[in-house]
Amino acid sequence: MSTANIRRVFLGLAAAVFLQAPGLAQAKLFLSQGTDPRTKKEYSGVAILSEDKRAQLHFQCNPTNSVPRIIFNNLEPLAELSLPFKFFYQIDDNDVYWHYFLVENDPKRGTFYVRHTEIYNERFGVAPEFIDQQTGLVSLAFRGWVDAIHHSLVEEFMEGSFAKVQVVDDKDQPHDFTFDLKGFGKLAKERMDCLEP
């Protein structure tokens, strides 16, 4: 299924879900904290449970992160290990955007990452050079550009009241969710120290 078709299907389904939910339940928020099994680093943050309780969206900070780590958990597998899945979302009545999430060690869990820089050109400008020719390392300009994308995604969820999400797995199958965001922004500001000031 093409991206355009996925977007059309998503908007139709999301609108139907939204119209059937005039009285939204109180936000299903909880603290997300522990030790990352991959990096062994302590993390803390906030997670949101979907309205149907089938999915969770985690926003986590750890002492070495300059941006929140964004993780999507689901009851069903989303992709084979080391493969991405697509994450479409619409906050309130704003535009639909999408990102890639990468499955690292659990097929039901993916972490947000910038995979193809060209999909961000319109919103964030063309990506700076990846490698700094002077140092041979990832350029500070590129890191800043990627950080801005991370912060933008977090801020959109913090400032919204309701999110319609469609995850498209590695077999092009859509999974639809809704998230009540009320109270998330306030709790995130209190609990997450890697947010932009």
N, C-alpha and C. Protein backbone atom coordinates (compact mmCIF):
# COMPACT_ATOMS: atom_id res chain seq x y z
N MET A 1 0.85 -1.19 0.00
CA MET A 1 0.00 0.00 0.00
C MET A 1 0.88 1.24 0.00
N SER A 2 0.59 2.21 -0.84
CA SER A 2 1.42 3.41 -0.93
C SER A 2 1.21 4.29 0.29
N THR A 3 2.18 5.20 0.52
CA THR A 3 2.07 6.13 1.64
C THR A 3 0.82 6.99 1.52
N ALA A 4 0.50 7.42 0.30
CA ALA A 4 -0.70 8.26 0.09
C ALA A 4 -1.96 7.50 0.46
N ASN A 5 -2.04 6.22 0.06
CA ASN A 5 -3.21 5.41 0.39
C ASN A 5 -3.30 5.15 1.89
N ILE A 6 -2.15 4.88 2.51
CA ILE A 6 -2.14 4.67 3.95
C ILE A 6 -2.67 5.91 4.65
N ARG A 7 -2.21 7.08 4.19
CA ARG A 7 -2.65 8.32 4.82
C ARG A 7 -4.15 8.50 4.68
N ARG A 8 -4.71 8.20 3.49
CA ARG A 8 -6.16 8.35 3.28
C ARG A 8 -6.94 7.40 4.18
N VAL A 9 -6.49 6.15 4.24
CA VAL A 9 -7.17 5.18 5.09
C VAL A 9 -7.09 5.60 6.55
N PHE A 10 -5.90 6.05 6.96
CA PHE A 10 -5.70 6.48 8.34
C PHE A 10 -6.64 7.62 8.71
N LEU A 11 -6.72 8.63 7.86
CA LEU A 11 -7.58 9.77 8.16
C LEU A 11 -9.03 9.36 8.27
N GLY A 12 -9.47 8.47 7.40
CA GLY A 12 -10.86 8.01 7.45
C GLY A 12 -11.15 7.26 8.74
N LEU A 13 -10.27 6.32 9.09
CA LEU A 13 -10.48 5.55 10.31
C LEU A 13 -10.36 6.42 11.55
N ALA A 14 -9.36 7.30 11.55
CA ALA A 14 -9.15 8.15 12.71
C ALA A 14 -10.32 9.09 12.92
N ALA A 15 -10.86 9.63 11.84
CA ALA A 15 -12.01 10.53 11.96
C ALA A 15 -13.20 9.78 12.54
N ALA A 16 -13.40 8.53 12.09
CA ALA A 16 -14.51 7.74 12.61
C ALA A 16 -14.35 7.49 14.10
N VAL A 17 -13.14 7.13 14.51
CA VAL A 17 -12.88 6.90 15.93
C VAL A 17 -13.12 8.17 16.73
N PHE A 18 -12.61 9.28 16.20
CA PHE A 18 -12.73 10.55 16.90
C PHE A 18 -14.18 10.96 17.05
N LEU A 19 -14.98 10.80 16.02
CA LEU A 19 -16.38 11.21 16.07
C LEU A 19 -17.19 10.34 17.02
N GLN A 20 -16.76 9.12 17.24
CA GLN A 20 -17.49 8.24 18.15
C GLN A 20 -17.08 8.46 19.60
N ALA A 21 -16.17 9.37 19.85
CA ALA A 21 -15.67 9.56 21.21
C ALA A 21 -15.86 10.99 21.68
N PRO A 22 -17.12 11.47 21.83
CA PRO A 22 -17.33 12.86 22.24
C PRO A 22 -16.87 13.13 23.66
N GLY A 23 -17.00 12.15 24.56
CA GLY A 23 -16.54 12.35 25.93
C GLY A 23 -15.29 11.54 26.17
N LEU A 24 -14.13 12.18 26.11
CA LEU A 24 -12.88 11.46 26.24
C LEU A 24 -12.58 11.17 27.71
N ALA A 25 -12.10 9.96 27.96
CA ALA A 25 -11.73 9.60 29.33
C ALA A 25 -10.50 10.39 29.76
N GLN A 26 -10.30 10.47 31.09
CA GLN A 26 -9.13 11.16 31.60
C GLN A 26 -7.87 10.48 31.06
N ALA A 27 -6.84 11.29 30.81
CA ALA A 27 -5.60 10.77 30.23
C ALA A 27 -5.06 9.60 31.04
N LYS A 28 -4.60 8.60 30.36
CA LYS A 28 -4.03 7.42 31.01
C LYS A 28 -2.52 7.62 31.03
N LEU A 29 -2.03 8.27 32.06
CA LEU A 29 -0.62 8.62 32.17
C LEU A 29 0.02 7.83 33.30
N PHE A 30 1.28 7.49 33.12
CA PHE A 30 2.01 6.87 34.22
C PHE A 30 3.49 7.18 34.07
N LEU A 31 4.21 7.08 35.19
CA LEU A 31 5.64 7.34 35.17
C LEU A 31 6.35 6.16 34.52
N SER A 32 7.36 6.46 33.75
CA SER A 32 8.15 5.44 33.06
C SER A 32 9.58 5.56 33.57
N GLN A 33 10.02 4.61 34.36
CA GLN A 33 11.37 4.69 34.92
C GLN A 33 11.95 3.31 35.15
N GLY A 34 13.28 3.24 35.14
CA GLY A 34 13.94 1.96 35.33
C GLY A 34 15.34 1.99 34.74
N THR A 35 15.84 0.84 34.33
CA THR A 35 17.16 0.71 33.72
C THR A 35 17.00 0.17 32.31
N ASP A 36 17.59 0.86 31.35
CA ASP A 36 17.53 0.41 29.96
C ASP A 36 18.36 -0.87 29.83
N PRO A 37 17.74 -2.00 29.43
CA PRO A 37 18.50 -3.26 29.34
C PRO A 37 19.60 -3.22 28.29
N ARG A 38 19.47 -2.33 27.32
CA ARG A 38 20.47 -2.26 26.24
C ARG A 38 21.69 -1.46 26.66
N THR A 39 21.46 -0.29 27.28
CA THR A 39 22.57 0.60 27.64
C THR A 39 22.96 0.52 29.10
N LYS A 40 22.10 -0.12 29.94
CA LYS A 40 22.31 -0.22 31.39
C LYS A 40 22.22 1.14 32.08
N LYS A 41 21.64 2.13 31.42
CA LYS A 41 21.52 3.46 32.02
C LYS A 41 20.13 3.64 32.63
N GLU A 42 20.10 4.36 33.75
CA GLU A 42 18.83 4.69 34.39
C GLU A 42 18.07 5.68 33.51
N TYR A 43 16.76 5.55 33.47
CA TYR A 43 15.94 6.50 32.73
C TYR A 43 14.70 6.85 33.54
N SER A 44 14.12 8.00 33.23
CA SER A 44 12.84 8.39 33.84
C SER A 44 12.07 9.19 32.81
N GLY A 45 10.77 9.16 32.93
CA GLY A 45 9.94 9.89 31.98
C GLY A 45 8.47 9.63 32.22
N VAL A 46 7.70 9.83 31.17
CA VAL A 46 6.24 9.69 31.25
C VAL A 46 5.78 8.83 30.08
N ALA A 47 4.78 8.01 30.32
CA ALA A 47 4.19 7.18 29.27
C ALA A 47 2.69 7.42 29.21
N ILE A 48 2.13 7.22 28.02
CA ILE A 48 0.70 7.39 27.78
C ILE A 48 0.14 6.06 27.29
N LEU A 49 -0.96 5.62 27.89
CA LEU A 49 -1.64 4.40 27.48
C LEU A 49 -2.73 4.75 26.48
N SER A 50 -2.82 3.99 25.40
CA SER A 50 -3.85 4.25 24.40
C SER A 50 -5.24 4.01 24.99
N GLU A 51 -6.25 4.58 24.34
CA GLU A 51 -7.62 4.46 24.83
C GLU A 51 -8.07 3.00 24.93
N ASP A 52 -7.61 2.15 24.02
CA ASP A 52 -8.01 0.74 24.05
C ASP A 52 -7.05 -0.13 24.87
N LYS A 53 -6.05 0.51 25.47
CA LYS A 53 -5.07 -0.16 26.34
C LYS A 53 -4.22 -1.19 25.60
N ARG A 54 -4.10 -1.05 24.29
CA ARG A 54 -3.28 -1.98 23.51
C ARG A 54 -1.88 -1.45 23.24
N ALA A 55 -1.67 -0.16 23.48
CA ALA A 55 -0.38 0.44 23.12
C ALA A 55 0.04 1.47 24.16
N GLN A 56 1.34 1.71 24.21
CA GLN A 56 1.91 2.73 25.10
C GLN A 56 2.91 3.55 24.31
N LEU A 57 2.95 4.84 24.63
CA LEU A 57 3.93 5.74 24.04
C LEU A 57 4.76 6.30 25.18
N HIS A 58 6.06 5.99 25.18
CA HIS A 58 6.96 6.39 26.26
C HIS A 58 7.86 7.55 25.81
N PHE A 59 8.07 8.49 26.71
CA PHE A 59 9.00 9.60 26.50
C PHE A 59 9.98 9.54 27.67
N GLN A 60 11.26 9.23 27.39
CA GLN A 60 12.21 8.95 28.46
C GLN A 60 13.46 9.82 28.36
N CYS A 61 14.00 10.16 29.53
CA CYS A 61 15.27 10.88 29.62
C CYS A 61 16.26 10.01 30.39
N ASN A 62 17.54 10.12 30.03
CA ASN A 62 18.58 9.54 30.87
C ASN A 62 19.70 10.57 30.99
N PRO A 63 20.64 10.37 31.91
CA PRO A 63 21.64 11.41 32.19
C PRO A 63 22.48 11.85 31.00
N THR A 64 22.61 11.03 29.97
CA THR A 64 23.46 11.40 28.84
C THR A 64 22.67 11.84 27.61
N ASN A 65 21.34 11.81 27.67
CA ASN A 65 20.53 12.18 26.52
C ASN A 65 20.30 13.68 26.45
N SER A 66 20.47 14.26 25.28
CA SER A 66 20.13 15.67 25.08
C SER A 66 18.69 15.81 24.61
N VAL A 67 18.09 14.70 24.19
CA VAL A 67 16.70 14.70 23.72
C VAL A 67 15.99 13.49 24.33
N PRO A 68 14.66 13.56 24.45
CA PRO A 68 13.93 12.40 24.97
C PRO A 68 14.02 11.21 24.01
N ARG A 69 14.09 10.03 24.58
CA ARG A 69 13.96 8.80 23.80
C ARG A 69 12.47 8.51 23.69
N ILE A 70 11.99 8.24 22.48
CA ILE A 70 10.56 8.06 22.24
C ILE A 70 10.34 6.61 21.81
N ILE A 71 9.53 5.89 22.57
CA ILE A 71 9.35 4.45 22.35
C ILE A 71 7.86 4.14 22.22
N PHE A 72 7.53 3.29 21.24
CA PHE A 72 6.15 2.84 21.07
C PHE A 72 6.09 1.35 21.38
N ASN A 73 5.22 0.97 22.32
CA ASN A 73 5.00 -0.43 22.69
C ASN A 73 3.62 -0.87 22.23
N ASN A 74 3.51 -2.11 21.79
CA ASN A 74 2.24 -2.63 21.29
C ASN A 74 2.05 -4.06 21.77
N LEU A 75 0.82 -4.55 21.80
CA LEU A 75 0.56 -5.93 22.18
C LEU A 75 0.89 -6.91 21.06
N GLU A 76 0.93 -6.41 19.82
CA GLU A 76 1.18 -7.27 18.66
C GLU A 76 2.53 -6.92 18.03
N PRO A 77 3.20 -7.88 17.41
CA PRO A 77 4.46 -7.59 16.72
C PRO A 77 4.26 -6.54 15.62
N LEU A 78 5.26 -5.68 15.48
CA LEU A 78 5.21 -4.59 14.50
C LEU A 78 6.22 -4.77 13.37
N ALA A 79 7.32 -5.40 13.66
CA ALA A 79 8.35 -5.61 12.63
C ALA A 79 9.36 -6.63 13.14
N GLU A 80 10.08 -7.22 12.20
CA GLU A 80 11.18 -8.10 12.57
C GLU A 80 12.29 -7.26 13.20
N LEU A 81 13.15 -7.92 13.96
CA LEU A 81 14.26 -7.21 14.59
C LEU A 81 15.10 -6.49 13.55
N SER A 82 15.51 -5.27 13.88
CA SER A 82 16.34 -4.40 13.04
C SER A 82 15.60 -3.81 11.85
N LEU A 83 14.27 -3.98 11.79
CA LEU A 83 13.47 -3.36 10.73
C LEU A 83 12.63 -2.22 11.30
N PRO A 84 12.29 -1.25 10.44
CA PRO A 84 11.48 -0.13 10.90
C PRO A 84 9.98 -0.36 10.67
N PHE A 85 9.17 0.43 11.37
CA PHE A 85 7.76 0.54 11.03
C PHE A 85 7.41 2.03 10.98
N LYS A 86 6.31 2.36 10.30
CA LYS A 86 5.90 3.76 10.14
C LYS A 86 4.90 4.15 11.22
N PHE A 87 5.03 5.39 11.68
CA PHE A 87 4.20 5.92 12.75
C PHE A 87 3.56 7.21 12.25
N PHE A 88 2.27 7.15 11.89
CA PHE A 88 1.52 8.33 11.46
C PHE A 88 0.76 8.88 12.65
N TYR A 89 0.66 10.21 12.75
CA TYR A 89 -0.09 10.77 13.87
C TYR A 89 -0.72 12.11 13.48
N GLN A 90 -1.83 12.40 14.14
CA GLN A 90 -2.49 13.70 14.00
C GLN A 90 -2.86 14.17 15.39
N ILE A 91 -2.37 15.34 15.77
CA ILE A 91 -2.69 15.93 17.07
C ILE A 91 -3.85 16.89 16.89
N ASP A 92 -4.93 16.66 17.62
CA ASP A 92 -6.14 17.48 17.49
C ASP A 92 -6.53 17.56 16.00
N ASP A 93 -6.70 18.77 15.47
CA ASP A 93 -7.08 18.90 14.06
C ASP A 93 -5.92 19.38 13.19
N ASN A 94 -4.71 19.18 13.64
CA ASN A 94 -3.53 19.62 12.90
C ASN A 94 -3.19 18.64 11.78
N ASP A 95 -2.14 18.95 11.03
CA ASP A 95 -1.74 18.10 9.91
C ASP A 95 -1.30 16.71 10.38
N VAL A 96 -1.37 15.76 9.47
CA VAL A 96 -0.85 14.41 9.72
C VAL A 96 0.64 14.39 9.38
N TYR A 97 1.45 13.89 10.31
CA TYR A 97 2.89 13.72 10.08
C TYR A 97 3.24 12.25 10.31
N TRP A 98 4.44 11.88 9.89
CA TRP A 98 4.86 10.50 10.15
C TRP A 98 6.36 10.41 10.34
N HIS A 99 6.76 9.36 11.05
CA HIS A 99 8.16 9.08 11.35
C HIS A 99 8.40 7.58 11.25
N TYR A 100 9.66 7.22 11.31
CA TYR A 100 10.03 5.81 11.43
C TYR A 100 10.39 5.49 12.88
N PHE A 101 10.03 4.27 13.29
CA PHE A 101 10.48 3.72 14.56
C PHE A 101 11.21 2.42 14.24
N LEU A 102 12.29 2.15 14.97
CA LEU A 102 13.13 0.98 14.70
C LEU A 102 12.93 -0.08 15.78
N VAL A 103 12.67 -1.31 15.36
CA VAL A 103 12.59 -2.44 16.29
C VAL A 103 14.01 -2.90 16.57
N GLU A 104 14.40 -2.87 17.85
CA GLU A 104 15.77 -3.24 18.20
C GLU A 104 15.87 -4.64 18.80
N ASN A 105 15.16 -4.90 19.89
CA ASN A 105 15.29 -6.22 20.53
C ASN A 105 13.96 -6.85 20.91
N ASP A 106 12.85 -6.23 20.52
CA ASP A 106 11.52 -6.77 20.81
C ASP A 106 10.60 -6.39 19.65
N PRO A 107 10.02 -7.37 18.95
CA PRO A 107 9.19 -7.05 17.78
C PRO A 107 7.92 -6.26 18.09
N LYS A 108 7.59 -6.11 19.38
CA LYS A 108 6.41 -5.35 19.77
C LYS A 108 6.76 -3.93 20.21
N ARG A 109 8.03 -3.54 20.02
CA ARG A 109 8.51 -2.27 20.57
C ARG A 109 9.45 -1.61 19.57
N GLY A 110 9.26 -0.31 19.36
CA GLY A 110 10.14 0.42 18.46
C GLY A 110 10.54 1.77 19.03
N THR A 111 11.70 2.25 18.61
CA THR A 111 12.24 3.53 19.08
C THR A 111 12.30 4.51 17.91
N PHE A 112 11.84 5.73 18.15
CA PHE A 112 11.85 6.76 17.11
C PHE A 112 13.28 7.05 16.66
N TYR A 113 13.46 7.18 15.34
CA TYR A 113 14.75 7.61 14.81
C TYR A 113 14.54 8.27 13.45
N VAL A 114 15.51 9.08 13.06
CA VAL A 114 15.47 9.75 11.76
C VAL A 114 16.13 8.81 10.76
N ARG A 115 15.31 8.25 9.87
CA ARG A 115 15.82 7.25 8.92
C ARG A 115 16.16 7.88 7.58
N HIS A 116 15.20 8.53 6.93
CA HIS A 116 15.43 9.17 5.64
C HIS A 116 15.30 10.68 5.84
N THR A 117 16.41 11.39 5.71
CA THR A 117 16.38 12.82 6.01
C THR A 117 15.47 13.60 5.07
N GLU A 118 15.27 13.11 3.83
CA GLU A 118 14.50 13.89 2.86
C GLU A 118 13.03 14.04 3.26
N ILE A 119 12.51 13.15 4.10
CA ILE A 119 11.10 13.29 4.48
C ILE A 119 10.89 14.47 5.43
N TYR A 120 11.98 15.05 5.92
CA TYR A 120 11.89 16.18 6.85
C TYR A 120 12.23 17.52 6.21
N ASN A 121 12.57 17.51 4.92
CA ASN A 121 13.02 18.75 4.27
C ASN A 121 12.01 19.87 4.37
N GLU A 122 10.73 19.56 4.16
CA GLU A 122 9.71 20.61 4.13
C GLU A 122 9.53 21.26 5.49
N ARG A 123 9.55 20.46 6.55
CA ARG A 123 9.30 21.00 7.89
C ARG A 123 10.55 21.56 8.56
N PHE A 124 11.71 20.96 8.31
CA PHE A 124 12.90 21.31 9.07
C PHE A 124 14.07 21.79 8.21
N GLY A 125 13.84 21.90 6.91
CA GLY A 125 14.92 22.30 6.02
C GLY A 125 15.79 21.11 5.65
N VAL A 126 16.62 21.30 4.64
CA VAL A 126 17.51 20.23 4.18
C VAL A 126 18.52 19.91 5.28
N ALA A 127 18.78 18.64 5.49
CA ALA A 127 19.71 18.23 6.55
C ALA A 127 21.11 18.76 6.28
N PRO A 128 21.79 19.24 7.32
CA PRO A 128 23.20 19.63 7.16
C PRO A 128 24.06 18.41 6.82
N GLU A 129 25.29 18.66 6.44
CA GLU A 129 26.21 17.56 6.15
C GLU A 129 26.33 16.64 7.36
N PHE A 130 26.29 15.34 7.09
CA PHE A 130 26.32 14.36 8.18
C PHE A 130 27.69 14.34 8.87
N ILE A 131 28.76 14.37 8.09
CA ILE A 131 30.11 14.30 8.64
C ILE A 131 30.77 15.67 8.60
N ASP A 132 31.39 16.05 9.72
CA ASP A 132 32.20 17.26 9.78
C ASP A 132 33.55 16.95 9.12
N GLN A 133 33.85 17.65 8.03
CA GLN A 133 35.07 17.35 7.27
C GLN A 133 36.34 17.63 8.07
N GLN A 134 36.25 18.52 9.05
CA GLN A 134 37.42 18.85 9.87
C GLN A 134 37.74 17.74 10.87
N THR A 135 36.68 17.18 11.49
CA THR A 135 36.89 16.21 12.57
C THR A 135 36.68 14.76 12.14
N GLY A 136 35.94 14.56 11.04
CA GLY A 136 35.61 13.20 10.63
C GLY A 136 34.50 12.58 11.46
N LEU A 137 33.89 13.38 12.35
CA LEU A 137 32.81 12.90 13.21
C LEU A 137 31.48 13.43 12.72
N VAL A 138 30.39 12.91 13.30
CA VAL A 138 29.07 13.44 12.98
C VAL A 138 29.05 14.93 13.32
N SER A 139 28.60 15.75 12.39
CA SER A 139 28.67 17.20 12.57
C SER A 139 27.69 17.67 13.64
N LEU A 140 28.09 18.73 14.35
CA LEU A 140 27.22 19.32 15.37
C LEU A 140 25.95 19.86 14.73
N ALA A 141 26.07 20.39 13.52
CA ALA A 141 24.89 20.93 12.83
C ALA A 141 23.88 19.82 12.55
N PHE A 142 24.36 18.65 12.13
CA PHE A 142 23.45 17.54 11.86
C PHE A 142 22.81 17.05 13.15
N ARG A 143 23.59 16.95 14.22
CA ARG A 143 23.03 16.54 15.51
C ARG A 143 21.94 17.51 15.97
N GLY A 144 22.20 18.80 15.80
CA GLY A 144 21.21 19.80 16.19
C GLY A 144 19.94 19.68 15.37
N TRP A 145 20.08 19.38 14.08
CA TRP A 145 18.93 19.22 13.19
C TRP A 145 18.08 18.02 13.63
N VAL A 146 18.74 16.90 13.95
CA VAL A 146 18.02 15.71 14.42
C VAL A 146 17.36 15.97 15.78
N ASP A 147 18.09 16.67 16.67
CA ASP A 147 17.51 17.01 17.98
C ASP A 147 16.24 17.84 17.83
N ALA A 148 16.24 18.77 16.87
CA ALA A 148 15.06 19.62 16.65
C ALA A 148 13.85 18.78 16.25
N ILE A 149 14.07 17.73 15.47
CA ILE A 149 12.98 16.84 15.06
C ILE A 149 12.44 16.09 16.28
N HIS A 150 13.35 15.57 17.12
CA HIS A 150 12.92 14.90 18.35
C HIS A 150 12.07 15.83 19.21
N HIS A 151 12.59 17.03 19.47
CA HIS A 151 11.88 17.97 20.34
C HIS A 151 10.53 18.36 19.75
N SER A 152 10.47 18.50 18.44
CA SER A 152 9.21 18.86 17.79
C SER A 152 8.14 17.80 18.03
N LEU A 153 8.50 16.53 17.89
CA LEU A 153 7.54 15.44 18.11
C LEU A 153 7.04 15.45 19.56
N VAL A 154 7.95 15.61 20.51
CA VAL A 154 7.55 15.64 21.92
C VAL A 154 6.64 16.83 22.19
N GLU A 155 7.02 18.01 21.69
CA GLU A 155 6.23 19.21 21.94
C GLU A 155 4.82 19.10 21.37
N GLU A 156 4.69 18.49 20.20
CA GLU A 156 3.36 18.34 19.60
C GLU A 156 2.45 17.52 20.50
N PHE A 157 2.99 16.45 21.09
CA PHE A 157 2.18 15.64 22.00
C PHE A 157 1.93 16.38 23.32
N MET A 158 2.91 17.15 23.79
CA MET A 158 2.73 17.90 25.04
C MET A 158 1.67 18.98 24.92
N GLU A 159 1.59 19.60 23.75
CA GLU A 159 0.68 20.74 23.57
C GLU A 159 -0.71 20.33 23.12
N GLY A 160 -0.91 19.06 22.75
CA GLY A 160 -2.19 18.62 22.25
C GLY A 160 -3.11 18.10 23.34
N SER A 161 -4.35 17.82 22.95
CA SER A 161 -5.31 17.23 23.88
C SER A 161 -5.73 15.83 23.45
N PHE A 162 -5.54 15.50 22.16
CA PHE A 162 -5.98 14.20 21.65
C PHE A 162 -5.13 13.83 20.44
N ALA A 163 -4.72 12.57 20.37
CA ALA A 163 -3.89 12.12 19.25
C ALA A 163 -4.52 10.90 18.59
N LYS A 164 -4.53 10.92 17.26
CA LYS A 164 -4.93 9.77 16.46
C LYS A 164 -3.65 9.22 15.83
N VAL A 165 -3.39 7.96 16.05
CA VAL A 165 -2.14 7.34 15.62
C VAL A 165 -2.44 6.11 14.78
N GLN A 166 -1.69 5.96 13.69
CA GLN A 166 -1.72 4.71 12.94
C GLN A 166 -0.29 4.23 12.76
N VAL A 167 -0.05 3.01 13.21
CA VAL A 167 1.24 2.37 13.01
C VAL A 167 1.07 1.38 11.86
N VAL A 168 1.98 1.45 10.89
CA VAL A 168 1.96 0.53 9.75
C VAL A 168 3.15 -0.41 9.90
N ASP A 169 2.86 -1.69 10.10
CA ASP A 169 3.92 -2.64 10.40
C ASP A 169 4.73 -3.00 9.14
N ASP A 170 5.69 -3.90 9.32
CA ASP A 170 6.59 -4.23 8.20
C ASP A 170 5.91 -5.08 7.12
N LYS A 171 4.66 -5.45 7.35
CA LYS A 171 3.88 -6.16 6.32
C LYS A 171 2.79 -5.26 5.75
N ASP A 172 2.93 -3.95 5.97
CA ASP A 172 1.99 -2.93 5.48
C ASP A 172 0.59 -3.06 6.07
N GLN A 173 0.49 -3.64 7.25
CA GLN A 173 -0.80 -3.74 7.94
C GLN A 173 -0.95 -2.57 8.92
N PRO A 174 -2.08 -1.85 8.88
CA PRO A 174 -2.27 -0.71 9.78
C PRO A 174 -2.81 -1.14 11.14
N HIS A 175 -2.38 -0.41 12.17
CA HIS A 175 -2.86 -0.60 13.54
C HIS A 175 -3.25 0.78 14.05
N ASP A 176 -4.51 0.97 14.41
CA ASP A 176 -5.01 2.31 14.76
C ASP A 176 -5.21 2.46 16.27
N PHE A 177 -4.83 3.64 16.77
CA PHE A 177 -4.92 3.92 18.20
C PHE A 177 -5.34 5.37 18.40
N THR A 178 -5.91 5.63 19.57
CA THR A 178 -6.17 7.01 19.99
C THR A 178 -5.57 7.20 21.38
N PHE A 179 -5.06 8.40 21.62
CA PHE A 179 -4.44 8.73 22.91
C PHE A 179 -5.05 10.03 23.44
N ASP A 180 -5.52 10.00 24.67
CA ASP A 180 -5.96 11.21 25.36
C ASP A 180 -4.72 11.85 25.97
N LEU A 181 -4.40 13.06 25.55
CA LEU A 181 -3.16 13.72 25.96
C LEU A 181 -3.34 14.70 27.10
N LYS A 182 -4.55 14.88 27.58
CA LYS A 182 -4.78 15.88 28.63
C LYS A 182 -3.95 15.54 29.87
N GLY A 183 -3.20 16.52 30.34
CA GLY A 183 -2.35 16.36 31.51
C GLY A 183 -0.94 15.90 31.19
N PHE A 184 -0.71 15.43 29.97
CA PHE A 184 0.61 14.92 29.62
C PHE A 184 1.67 16.01 29.64
N GLY A 185 1.36 17.16 29.03
CA GLY A 185 2.34 18.24 28.96
C GLY A 185 2.80 18.69 30.34
N LYS A 186 1.87 18.85 31.25
CA LYS A 186 2.20 19.29 32.62
C LYS A 186 3.08 18.26 33.32
N LEU A 187 2.70 17.00 33.23
CA LEU A 187 3.47 15.95 33.90
C LEU A 187 4.86 15.80 33.27
N ALA A 188 4.94 15.92 31.95
CA ALA A 188 6.24 15.81 31.28
C ALA A 188 7.19 16.92 31.74
N LYS A 189 6.68 18.14 31.87
CA LYS A 189 7.52 19.25 32.33
C LYS A 189 8.04 19.01 33.74
N GLU A 190 7.23 18.36 34.57
CA GLU A 190 7.62 18.10 35.95
C GLU A 190 8.63 16.96 36.06
N ARG A 191 8.54 15.98 35.16
CA ARG A 191 9.29 14.74 35.33
C ARG A 191 10.45 14.55 34.36
N MET A 192 10.51 15.34 33.29
CA MET A 192 11.52 15.10 32.26
C MET A 192 12.51 16.26 32.19
N ASP A 193 13.77 15.98 32.50
CA ASP A 193 14.77 17.04 32.53
C ASP A 193 15.55 17.17 31.23
N CYS A 194 15.19 16.40 30.19
CA CYS A 194 15.90 16.54 28.91
C CYS A 194 15.03 17.27 27.88
N LEU A 195 13.96 17.92 28.33
CA LEU A 195 13.15 18.73 27.42
C LEU A 195 13.84 20.05 27.15
N GLU A 196 13.52 20.65 26.00
CA GLU A 196 14.06 21.98 25.72
C GLU A 196 13.50 22.96 26.74
N PRO A 197 14.33 23.89 27.24
CA PRO A 197 13.82 24.88 28.22
C PRO A 197 12.79 25.80 27.58
